[in-house]
N, C-alpha and C. Protein backbone atom coordinates (compact mmCIF):
# COMPACT_ATOMS: atom_id res chain seq x y z
N UNK A 1 43.64 31.01 33.65
CA UNK A 1 44.16 31.44 32.61
C UNK A 1 42.25 31.38 31.61
N UNK A 2 42.47 32.27 30.61
CA UNK A 2 41.33 33.02 30.20
C UNK A 2 41.69 32.76 28.83
N UNK A 3 40.51 32.27 28.55
CA UNK A 3 40.24 31.66 26.91
C UNK A 3 40.03 33.04 25.98
N UNK A 4 40.95 32.68 24.98
CA UNK A 4 41.07 33.28 23.57
C UNK A 4 39.29 33.46 23.42
N UNK A 5 39.60 34.68 23.20
CA UNK A 5 38.42 35.48 22.04
C UNK A 5 37.97 34.88 20.87
N UNK A 6 36.39 34.38 20.32
CA UNK A 6 36.20 33.46 18.99
C UNK A 6 36.34 34.66 17.94
N UNK A 7 36.82 34.20 16.55
CA UNK A 7 36.64 35.58 16.55
C UNK A 7 34.92 36.04 15.18
N UNK A 8 34.85 37.15 15.40
CA UNK A 8 33.46 37.24 14.75
C UNK A 8 33.34 36.16 14.12
N UNK A 9 33.85 36.12 12.84
CA UNK A 9 33.66 35.40 11.62
C UNK A 9 33.12 34.06 11.73
N UNK A 10 33.62 33.40 13.11
CA UNK A 10 32.81 32.17 13.34
C UNK A 10 31.68 32.08 13.76
N UNK A 11 31.56 33.29 14.17
CA UNK A 11 29.72 33.35 15.04
C UNK A 11 28.81 33.72 13.98
N UNK A 12 28.91 34.75 13.44
CA UNK A 12 28.22 35.02 12.21
C UNK A 12 28.38 33.43 11.34
N UNK A 13 29.22 32.94 10.32
CA UNK A 13 29.00 31.27 10.02
C UNK A 13 27.84 30.72 10.72
N UNK A 14 28.21 30.63 11.58
CA UNK A 14 27.74 29.81 12.84
C UNK A 14 26.04 30.23 12.67
N UNK A 15 25.55 31.67 13.06
CA UNK A 15 24.51 32.07 12.49
C UNK A 15 23.84 31.75 11.02
N UNK A 16 24.40 31.42 10.17
CA UNK A 16 24.09 31.83 9.07
C UNK A 16 23.69 30.35 8.79
N UNK A 17 24.91 29.59 9.47
CA UNK A 17 24.22 27.71 8.95
C UNK A 17 23.04 27.67 9.70
N UNK A 18 22.90 27.99 10.98
CA UNK A 18 21.87 27.62 11.84
C UNK A 18 20.39 28.22 10.74
N UNK A 19 20.31 29.30 10.26
CA UNK A 19 19.52 29.99 9.61
C UNK A 19 19.08 29.67 8.16
N UNK A 20 20.42 28.43 7.42
CA UNK A 20 19.98 28.08 6.05
C UNK A 20 19.60 26.90 6.54
N UNK A 21 19.58 26.45 7.53
CA UNK A 21 19.08 24.91 7.63
C UNK A 21 17.94 24.57 7.19
N UNK A 22 17.37 23.76 6.35
CA UNK A 22 16.10 23.26 6.21
C UNK A 22 15.44 22.74 7.82
N UNK A 23 14.04 23.03 7.48
CA UNK A 23 13.13 22.82 8.71
C UNK A 23 13.33 21.33 8.93
N UNK A 24 13.36 20.17 10.19
CA UNK A 24 12.83 18.80 9.95
C UNK A 24 11.42 19.03 9.38
N UNK A 25 10.95 18.01 8.25
CA UNK A 25 10.07 18.50 8.00
C UNK A 25 8.81 17.37 9.04
N UNK A 26 8.08 17.20 9.20
CA UNK A 26 7.15 17.08 10.13
C UNK A 26 6.44 15.09 8.97
N UNK A 27 6.49 14.18 9.36
CA UNK A 27 5.77 13.36 8.76
C UNK A 27 4.14 13.87 8.71
N UNK A 28 3.62 12.95 7.28
CA UNK A 28 2.51 13.27 6.82
C UNK A 28 1.91 12.16 6.40
N UNK A 29 0.08 12.30 6.03
CA UNK A 29 -0.19 11.19 5.62
C UNK A 29 -0.46 11.50 3.62
N UNK A 30 -0.64 10.01 3.59
CA UNK A 30 -0.28 8.51 4.03
C UNK A 30 1.09 8.46 4.49
N UNK A 31 1.38 7.59 5.17
CA UNK A 31 2.79 7.41 5.85
C UNK A 31 2.80 5.62 5.96
N UNK A 32 4.31 5.81 4.75
CA UNK A 32 4.31 3.99 5.15
C UNK A 32 5.72 3.84 6.20
N UNK A 33 5.04 2.59 7.00
CA UNK A 33 5.61 2.21 8.47
C UNK A 33 5.41 0.88 8.38
N UNK A 34 6.90 0.25 9.20
CA UNK A 34 6.66 -1.29 9.93
C UNK A 34 6.31 -0.51 11.50
N UNK A 35 4.86 -1.46 11.37
CA UNK A 35 4.46 -1.10 12.97
C UNK A 35 5.12 -2.17 13.79
N UNK A 36 5.18 -2.19 15.32
CA UNK A 36 5.69 -2.57 15.73
C UNK A 36 4.20 -2.69 17.66
N UNK A 37 3.65 -4.13 17.39
CA UNK A 37 2.73 -3.98 18.86
C UNK A 37 3.54 -4.19 20.02
N UNK A 38 2.41 -3.86 21.21
CA UNK A 38 3.00 -4.46 21.96
C UNK A 38 3.77 -5.41 22.96
N UNK A 39 3.10 -6.80 22.10
CA UNK A 39 3.47 -8.27 21.77
C UNK A 39 4.92 -8.54 21.04
N UNK A 40 5.11 -7.26 20.14
CA UNK A 40 6.79 -6.95 19.45
C UNK A 40 6.24 -7.99 18.40
N UNK A 41 5.34 -7.77 17.74
CA UNK A 41 5.02 -8.53 16.70
C UNK A 41 5.12 -7.36 15.22
N UNK A 42 5.32 -7.56 14.01
CA UNK A 42 5.60 -6.27 13.46
C UNK A 42 4.75 -5.94 12.29
N UNK A 43 3.71 -5.23 11.53
CA UNK A 43 3.39 -5.56 10.90
C UNK A 43 3.77 -4.14 9.64
N UNK A 44 3.52 -4.45 8.08
CA UNK A 44 4.23 -3.25 7.36
C UNK A 44 3.21 -2.80 7.27
N UNK A 45 2.47 -0.85 6.96
CA UNK A 45 1.51 -0.72 6.16
C UNK A 45 1.66 0.79 6.29
N UNK A 46 0.70 1.18 5.63
CA UNK A 46 0.20 2.69 5.28
C UNK A 46 -0.79 3.37 5.97
N UNK A 47 -0.49 4.45 6.72
CA UNK A 47 -0.81 5.03 7.34
C UNK A 47 -2.04 6.44 7.08
N UNK A 48 -3.77 6.20 7.26
CA UNK A 48 -4.13 6.55 5.71
C UNK A 48 -5.10 7.68 6.75
N UNK A 49 -4.67 7.20 8.05
CA UNK A 49 -6.15 8.59 9.44
C UNK A 49 -5.65 7.75 10.37
N UNK A 50 -5.59 9.17 10.97
CA UNK A 50 -5.14 8.97 12.36
C UNK A 50 -6.53 10.16 13.53
N UNK A 51 -7.08 9.04 14.34
CA UNK A 51 -7.15 10.62 15.53
C UNK A 51 -6.84 10.17 16.92
N UNK A 52 -7.52 10.69 18.15
CA UNK A 52 -6.35 10.61 19.33
C UNK A 52 -6.84 9.35 19.31
N UNK A 53 -7.47 7.90 19.29
CA UNK A 53 -7.17 6.83 19.90
C UNK A 53 -7.11 5.82 19.05
N UNK A 54 -6.64 6.18 18.08
CA UNK A 54 -6.72 5.26 16.20
C UNK A 54 -6.06 6.11 15.25
N UNK A 55 -5.23 4.62 14.52
CA UNK A 55 -5.30 4.80 13.32
C UNK A 55 -5.32 4.11 12.32
N UNK A 56 -5.95 4.46 11.13
CA UNK A 56 -6.75 3.84 9.51
C UNK A 56 -5.55 3.34 8.99
N UNK A 57 -5.16 1.94 8.92
CA UNK A 57 -4.01 1.81 7.36
C UNK A 57 -4.73 0.80 7.25
N UNK A 58 -3.44 0.25 6.06
CA UNK A 58 -4.30 -0.68 4.59
C UNK A 58 -3.05 -1.31 5.07
N UNK A 59 -2.87 -2.67 5.71
CA UNK A 59 -2.28 -3.81 5.85
C UNK A 59 -1.37 -4.53 4.13
N UNK A 60 -0.27 -3.95 3.96
CA UNK A 60 0.61 -4.24 2.47
C UNK A 60 0.72 -5.20 2.22
N UNK A 61 0.41 -6.37 3.42
CA UNK A 61 0.39 -7.74 2.63
C UNK A 61 -0.76 -8.13 1.84
N UNK A 62 -1.67 -7.92 2.08
CA UNK A 62 -3.06 -8.36 1.38
C UNK A 62 -4.24 -6.61 1.29
N UNK A 63 -4.03 -5.47 1.37
CA UNK A 63 -4.27 -4.32 1.24
C UNK A 63 -5.43 -4.25 1.63
N UNK A 64 -6.04 -4.80 2.95
CA UNK A 64 -6.80 -5.29 3.70
C UNK A 64 -6.62 -3.85 4.80
N UNK A 65 -7.98 -2.84 4.81
CA UNK A 65 -8.27 -1.63 5.21
C UNK A 65 -8.94 -1.94 7.03
N UNK A 66 -7.91 -1.72 7.97
CA UNK A 66 -8.54 -1.25 9.37
C UNK A 66 -8.26 -0.72 9.67
N UNK A 67 -9.26 -0.19 11.27
CA UNK A 67 -8.67 0.66 12.32
C UNK A 67 -7.87 -0.20 13.52
N UNK A 68 -7.23 0.67 14.08
CA UNK A 68 -5.71 0.01 14.95
C UNK A 68 -5.85 0.74 16.54
N UNK A 69 -6.15 0.64 17.15
CA UNK A 69 -6.17 1.16 18.50
C UNK A 69 -4.50 1.82 18.73
N UNK A 70 -4.40 2.99 19.17
CA UNK A 70 -2.94 3.20 19.19
C UNK A 70 -2.46 2.79 20.66
N UNK A 71 -3.21 2.52 21.65
CA UNK A 71 -2.95 1.90 22.71
C UNK A 71 -2.38 0.20 22.85
N UNK A 72 -2.80 -0.48 21.64
CA UNK A 72 -1.99 -1.57 20.82
C UNK A 72 0.02 -1.69 20.44
N UNK A 73 -0.33 -0.34 20.11
CA UNK A 73 1.44 -0.67 19.71
C UNK A 73 2.23 -0.14 20.89
N UNK A 74 3.71 -0.52 20.32
CA UNK A 74 4.71 -0.17 20.90
C UNK A 74 5.04 1.25 21.34
N UNK A 75 5.37 1.61 22.24
CA UNK A 75 5.63 2.80 22.90
C UNK A 75 6.37 3.60 21.83
N UNK A 76 7.19 3.41 21.25
CA UNK A 76 8.20 3.87 20.56
C UNK A 76 7.08 4.30 18.89
N UNK A 77 6.91 3.62 18.80
CA UNK A 77 5.87 3.74 17.23
C UNK A 77 4.71 4.56 17.80
N UNK A 78 3.89 4.81 19.46
CA UNK A 78 2.84 5.53 19.48
C UNK A 78 3.93 6.86 19.37
N UNK A 79 4.79 6.89 20.45
CA UNK A 79 5.09 8.11 20.33
C UNK A 79 5.45 8.82 18.44
N UNK A 80 5.96 8.04 17.61
CA UNK A 80 6.16 8.33 16.25
C UNK A 80 4.57 9.21 15.60
N UNK A 81 3.76 7.85 15.84
CA UNK A 81 1.55 8.57 15.11
C UNK A 81 1.50 9.47 16.32
N UNK A 82 2.10 9.82 17.21
CA UNK A 82 1.36 11.39 17.83
C UNK A 82 2.16 12.52 17.40
N UNK A 83 3.16 12.28 16.03
CA UNK A 83 3.38 13.39 15.60
C UNK A 83 2.50 13.35 13.75
N UNK A 84 1.81 12.29 13.79
CA UNK A 84 1.31 12.56 12.65
C UNK A 84 -0.07 13.90 12.70
N UNK A 85 0.06 14.51 11.56
CA UNK A 85 -1.18 14.92 11.81
C UNK A 85 -2.63 14.66 11.93
N UNK A 86 -3.43 14.67 12.78
CA UNK A 86 -4.83 14.32 13.24
C UNK A 86 -5.94 14.99 11.61
N UNK A 87 -5.89 13.35 11.06
CA UNK A 87 -6.83 13.61 10.14
C UNK A 87 -7.32 12.12 9.60
N UNK A 88 -8.89 12.25 9.43
CA UNK A 88 -9.63 11.04 9.12
C UNK A 88 -9.25 10.26 7.91
N UNK A 89 -10.09 9.38 7.94
CA UNK A 89 -8.95 8.19 6.90
C UNK A 89 -10.45 8.60 5.53
N UNK A 90 -10.29 9.04 4.46
CA UNK A 90 -10.16 8.75 3.22
C UNK A 90 -11.57 7.64 3.18
N UNK A 91 -12.84 7.87 2.48
CA UNK A 91 -13.92 7.38 2.77
C UNK A 91 -12.89 6.01 1.77
N UNK A 92 -13.82 4.86 2.07
CA UNK A 92 -13.54 3.36 1.56
C UNK A 92 -13.98 3.56 -0.33
N UNK A 93 -13.27 3.32 -0.83
CA UNK A 93 -13.53 3.11 -2.43
C UNK A 93 -13.88 1.97 -2.86
N UNK A 94 -15.05 2.01 -4.29
CA UNK A 94 -14.85 0.84 -4.67
C UNK A 94 -14.43 -0.97 -4.30
N UNK A 95 -12.75 0.00 -4.48
CA UNK A 95 -11.50 -0.38 -5.27
C UNK A 95 -11.20 -1.44 -3.92
N UNK A 96 -11.83 -0.98 -2.44
CA UNK A 96 -11.34 -1.54 -1.67
C UNK A 96 -12.28 -2.80 -1.15
N UNK A 97 -13.28 -2.94 -1.71
CA UNK A 97 -14.37 -3.82 -1.24
C UNK A 97 -14.08 -5.06 -1.42
N UNK A 98 -14.40 -6.23 -0.46
CA UNK A 98 -14.03 -7.53 -0.86
C UNK A 98 -14.12 -7.95 -2.12
N UNK A 99 -15.47 -7.54 -2.42
CA UNK A 99 -16.18 -8.14 -3.63
C UNK A 99 -15.69 -7.73 -4.88
N UNK A 100 -14.84 -6.42 -4.70
CA UNK A 100 -14.04 -6.38 -5.75
C UNK A 100 -12.24 -7.36 -5.88
N UNK A 101 -12.20 -7.26 -4.67
CA UNK A 101 -10.51 -7.90 -4.30
C UNK A 101 -10.98 -9.49 -5.06
N UNK A 102 -12.28 -10.01 -5.06
CA UNK A 102 -12.41 -11.44 -4.70
C UNK A 102 -12.53 -11.20 -6.44
N UNK A 103 -13.42 -10.35 -7.10
CA UNK A 103 -13.47 -10.19 -8.62
C UNK A 103 -12.34 -10.17 -9.04
N UNK A 104 -11.40 -9.30 -8.41
CA UNK A 104 -9.76 -9.06 -8.98
C UNK A 104 -9.25 -10.20 -9.19
N UNK A 105 -9.57 -11.35 -7.90
CA UNK A 105 -8.16 -12.38 -7.59
C UNK A 105 -9.04 -13.40 -9.04
N UNK A 106 -10.32 -13.14 -9.23
CA UNK A 106 -10.85 -14.34 -10.21
C UNK A 106 -10.63 -14.18 -12.14
N UNK A 107 -9.77 -12.52 -12.20
CA UNK A 107 -9.50 -12.28 -13.40
C UNK A 107 -8.05 -12.58 -13.81
N UNK A 108 -7.13 -12.79 -12.05
CA UNK A 108 -6.10 -13.38 -12.40
C UNK A 108 -5.98 -14.33 -12.58
N UNK A 109 -6.45 -15.14 -11.83
CA UNK A 109 -6.85 -17.32 -12.49
C UNK A 109 -7.40 -17.23 -13.90
N UNK A 110 -7.84 -16.46 -14.06
CA UNK A 110 -8.40 -16.44 -15.07
C UNK A 110 -7.37 -16.14 -16.44
N UNK A 111 -7.06 -15.41 -16.40
CA UNK A 111 -5.21 -14.97 -17.31
C UNK A 111 -4.26 -15.48 -16.75
N UNK A 112 -4.27 -16.20 -15.67
CA UNK A 112 -3.45 -17.53 -15.68
C UNK A 112 -3.60 -18.68 -15.92
N UNK A 113 -4.96 -19.27 -16.00
CA UNK A 113 -5.10 -20.01 -17.16
C UNK A 113 -5.08 -19.72 -18.54
N UNK A 114 -5.59 -18.70 -19.31
CA UNK A 114 -5.15 -18.22 -20.23
C UNK A 114 -3.50 -18.57 -21.30
N UNK A 115 -2.81 -18.08 -20.53
CA UNK A 115 -1.40 -18.07 -20.43
C UNK A 115 -1.24 -19.51 -20.53
N UNK A 116 -1.15 -20.13 -20.03
CA UNK A 116 -0.92 -22.17 -20.20
C UNK A 116 -1.78 -22.28 -20.50
N UNK A 117 -3.26 -21.86 -21.14
CA UNK A 117 -4.04 -23.20 -22.68
C UNK A 117 -3.35 -22.13 -23.59
N UNK A 118 -2.56 -21.25 -23.77
CA UNK A 118 -2.68 -20.83 -24.65
C UNK A 118 -1.02 -21.55 -25.29
N UNK A 119 -0.13 -22.11 -24.09
CA UNK A 119 1.14 -22.91 -24.31
C UNK A 119 0.77 -24.48 -24.80
N UNK A 120 -0.08 -24.72 -24.10
CA UNK A 120 -0.23 -26.25 -24.73
C UNK A 120 -0.93 -26.22 -25.64
N UNK A 121 -2.22 -24.96 -26.17
CA UNK A 121 -2.26 -25.34 -27.89
C UNK A 121 -0.85 -25.05 -28.90
N UNK A 122 0.38 -24.63 -28.50
CA UNK A 122 1.45 -24.60 -29.04
C UNK A 122 2.19 -25.83 -28.89
N UNK A 123 2.11 -26.78 -27.93
CA UNK A 123 2.91 -27.99 -27.76
C UNK A 123 2.41 -28.99 -28.67
N UNK A 124 0.29 -29.06 -28.53
CA UNK A 124 -0.15 -30.55 -28.83
C UNK A 124 -0.16 -30.65 -30.56
N UNK A 125 -0.45 -31.69 -30.51
CA UNK A 125 -0.31 -32.13 -32.25
C UNK A 125 -1.60 -33.16 -32.60
N UNK A 126 -2.53 -33.07 -31.29
CA UNK A 126 -3.44 -34.00 -31.66
C UNK A 126 -4.87 -32.67 -31.79
N UNK A 127 -5.47 -32.72 -33.03
CA UNK A 127 -6.51 -32.51 -33.35
C UNK A 127 -7.12 -31.88 -32.51
N UNK A 128 -8.06 -33.30 -31.92
CA UNK A 128 -8.64 -33.38 -30.72
C UNK A 128 -8.69 -32.09 -29.73
N UNK A 129 -7.51 -32.36 -29.61
CA UNK A 129 -6.71 -31.39 -27.57
C UNK A 129 -6.68 -29.84 -28.36
N UNK A 130 -6.40 -29.67 -29.70
CA UNK A 130 -6.66 -28.51 -29.90
C UNK A 130 -7.81 -27.69 -29.84
N UNK A 131 -8.88 -28.77 -30.78
CA UNK A 131 -9.73 -28.14 -30.31
C UNK A 131 -10.52 -28.01 -29.22
N UNK A 132 -10.08 -28.80 -28.34
CA UNK A 132 -10.56 -28.68 -27.16
C UNK A 132 -10.16 -27.62 -26.30
N UNK A 133 -8.69 -27.50 -25.73
CA UNK A 133 -7.55 -25.83 -25.90
C UNK A 133 -8.91 -24.73 -26.65
N UNK A 134 -8.82 -24.67 -27.90
CA UNK A 134 -9.36 -24.01 -28.60
C UNK A 134 -11.14 -23.28 -28.04
N UNK A 135 -11.59 -23.77 -27.44
CA UNK A 135 -12.83 -24.20 -27.20
C UNK A 135 -12.84 -23.88 -25.14
N UNK A 136 -11.60 -24.09 -24.61
CA UNK A 136 -11.29 -23.46 -23.87
C UNK A 136 -10.81 -22.07 -23.53
N UNK A 137 -10.32 -21.95 -24.03
CA UNK A 137 -9.84 -20.10 -24.49
C UNK A 137 -10.83 -19.18 -24.32
N UNK A 138 -11.97 -20.43 -25.16
CA UNK A 138 -12.60 -18.76 -25.98
C UNK A 138 -13.70 -18.96 -24.53
N UNK A 139 -14.02 -19.92 -24.06
CA UNK A 139 -14.66 -18.92 -22.70
C UNK A 139 -13.93 -18.61 -21.22
N UNK A 140 -12.60 -18.64 -22.02
CA UNK A 140 -11.84 -18.06 -20.48
C UNK A 140 -11.25 -16.45 -20.71
N UNK A 141 -11.88 -16.22 -22.50
CA UNK A 141 -11.81 -14.44 -22.89
C UNK A 141 -13.19 -14.10 -22.94
N UNK A 142 -13.70 -15.08 -22.55
CA UNK A 142 -15.28 -14.63 -22.17
C UNK A 142 -15.68 -14.05 -21.39
N UNK A 143 -15.03 -14.99 -20.40
CA UNK A 143 -15.58 -14.63 -18.54
C UNK A 143 -14.17 -12.93 -18.98
N UNK A 144 -13.72 -13.02 -18.81
CA UNK A 144 -12.08 -12.41 -19.05
C UNK A 144 -12.90 -11.16 -19.00
N UNK A 145 -13.23 -10.79 -19.98
CA UNK A 145 -13.93 -9.80 -20.71
C UNK A 145 -15.18 -9.07 -19.86
N UNK A 146 -16.20 -9.81 -19.42
CA UNK A 146 -17.00 -10.17 -18.47
C UNK A 146 -16.54 -9.39 -17.12
N UNK A 147 -15.35 -9.89 -16.85
CA UNK A 147 -14.95 -9.08 -15.61
C UNK A 147 -13.83 -8.50 -15.40
N UNK A 148 -13.37 -8.03 -16.41
CA UNK A 148 -12.77 -6.95 -17.24
C UNK A 148 -13.95 -5.22 -16.83
N UNK A 149 -15.17 -5.95 -17.40
CA UNK A 149 -15.86 -4.85 -17.16
C UNK A 149 -16.95 -4.69 -16.38
N UNK A 150 -17.04 -5.47 -15.77
CA UNK A 150 -17.74 -5.34 -14.43
C UNK A 150 -16.65 -4.61 -13.62
N UNK A 151 -15.13 -5.36 -13.15
CA UNK A 151 -14.94 -4.40 -12.58
C UNK A 151 -14.21 -2.73 -12.74
N UNK A 152 -13.96 -2.26 -14.23
CA UNK A 152 -13.92 -0.84 -14.58
C UNK A 152 -15.52 -0.18 -13.87
N UNK A 153 -16.33 -1.11 -14.15
CA UNK A 153 -17.68 0.27 -13.13
C UNK A 153 -17.84 -0.01 -12.14
N UNK A 154 -16.88 -0.94 -11.10
CA UNK A 154 -17.08 -0.64 -9.63
C UNK A 154 -15.68 0.29 -9.80
N UNK A 155 -14.45 0.28 -10.22
CA UNK A 155 -14.12 1.74 -10.09
C UNK A 155 -14.41 3.17 -10.25
N UNK A 156 -15.85 3.09 -11.35
CA UNK A 156 -16.13 4.59 -11.34
C UNK A 156 -16.55 4.87 -10.18
N UNK A 157 -17.01 4.40 -9.79
CA UNK A 157 -18.05 4.35 -8.90
C UNK A 157 -17.45 6.16 -7.66
């Protein structure tokens, strides 16, 4: 038994659909992925560069940047990484330095203490305690100002 011929309109419709389908986009850098190593451990990171043997990434957890050999990754991630373009990672900015991160962390500590002392000032009834908190607040604001200026200079390098 022979099958009935397909109407030509159906073939034309399929061709039109195939031609109008958008191309499958290729992954680009930077790429945010959860990577798995050969031991099954996972790492959330942004891949910012790739060469033939390793990738440069920024770990999501702490912002640390490092190179990771592709051979340490699970097979599925190796195949995914092979689809990324070969592109060197951008130069490290001054904001990625450990010194910058340390100064930024200190600024966060100071700002948290400012908030805490401000709350304490509003609840104290002792004049001596109020003056002590006020003195500490002035010192904290001064240190905050110096740190902000230092961070601005580092950012503009």
